Amino acid sequence: MPETKAGRDKIIGYLNENDISISALAAMYGLSRQDLSDYLAGRKRNPKANQIILKIISDFKIR
C-alpha cells in the first residue's frame, strides 16, 4: 500500500489553517470521528483509509 503521510500531513495542516474540526469533517464524509482520526494519524492503513485521504485531498483541492 502506498505511503500517505505527506497527504495526511497536508490535510491536517488544511484543517488547522481553516479551523475545521475532525468531527465536522468526519460527519461530512459519514465516518466516525475516531475512524477519521485514525486515518489521519496513520493508525489505520487499509484501502478505505487511502480512499478517504485521496477523496478529502480531491474535494478540498489540497495541494
Protein backbone atom coordinates (compact mmCIF):
# COMPACT_ATOMS: atom_id res chain seq x y z
CA MET A 1 0.00 0.00 0.00
CA PRO A 2 1.40 3.45 -0.83
CA GLU A 3 2.54 5.74 1.97
CA THR A 4 0.06 8.54 2.66
CA LYS A 5 1.97 10.56 5.27
CA ALA A 6 2.51 13.60 3.04
CA GLY A 7 -1.19 13.71 2.15
CA ARG A 8 -2.27 13.17 5.74
CA ASP A 9 0.02 16.00 6.90
CA LYS A 10 -1.39 18.34 4.27
CA ILE A 11 -4.96 17.54 5.32
CA ILE A 12 -4.15 18.16 8.99
CA GLY A 13 -2.48 21.46 8.07
CA TYR A 14 -5.51 22.46 6.00
CA LEU A 15 -7.87 21.64 8.86
CA ASN A 16 -5.80 23.72 11.28
CA GLU A 17 -5.49 26.68 8.89
CA ASN A 18 -9.22 26.74 8.19
CA ASP A 19 -10.43 25.93 11.72
CA ILE A 20 -12.21 22.75 10.63
CA SER A 21 -12.61 20.06 13.26
CA ILE A 22 -12.03 16.38 12.63
CA SER A 23 -15.54 15.79 13.98
CA ALA A 24 -17.09 18.12 11.39
CA LEU A 25 -15.08 16.56 8.57
CA ALA A 26 -15.97 13.06 9.75
CA ALA A 27 -19.67 13.98 9.78
CA MET A 28 -19.38 15.34 6.25
CA TYR A 29 -18.00 12.01 4.99
CA GLY A 30 -20.29 9.82 7.10
CA LEU A 31 -17.43 8.49 9.23
CA SER A 32 -16.97 8.26 12.97
CA ARG A 33 -14.64 10.84 14.47
CA GLN A 34 -12.40 8.03 15.74
CA ASP A 35 -12.08 6.38 12.32
CA LEU A 36 -11.14 9.63 10.60
CA SER A 37 -8.71 10.47 13.39
CA ASP A 38 -7.11 7.03 12.97
CA TYR A 39 -6.87 7.51 9.19
CA LEU A 40 -5.22 10.92 9.57
CA ALA A 41 -2.81 9.67 12.24
CA GLY A 42 -1.86 6.65 10.15
CA ARG A 43 -3.05 4.19 12.78
CA LYS A 44 -5.43 2.60 10.27
CA ARG A 45 -3.81 1.80 6.94
CA ASN A 46 -6.18 0.00 4.65
CA PRO A 47 -7.74 0.62 1.23
CA LYS A 48 -10.65 2.56 2.77
CA ALA A 49 -8.20 4.85 4.60
CA ASN A 50 -6.39 5.54 1.33
CA GLN A 51 -9.67 6.25 -0.47
CA ILE A 52 -10.79 8.70 2.21
CA ILE A 53 -7.43 10.52 2.23
CA LEU A 54 -7.50 10.84 -1.58
CA LYS A 55 -11.16 11.93 -1.56
CA ILE A 56 -10.52 14.70 1.00
CA ILE A 57 -7.48 15.95 -0.94
CA SER A 58 -9.50 15.97 -4.15
CA ASP A 59 -12.66 17.53 -2.68
CA PHE A 60 -10.82 20.36 -0.93
CA LYS A 61 -8.23 20.75 -3.71
CA ILE A 62 -5.40 20.47 -1.20
CA ARG A 63 -2.01 20.86 -2.87
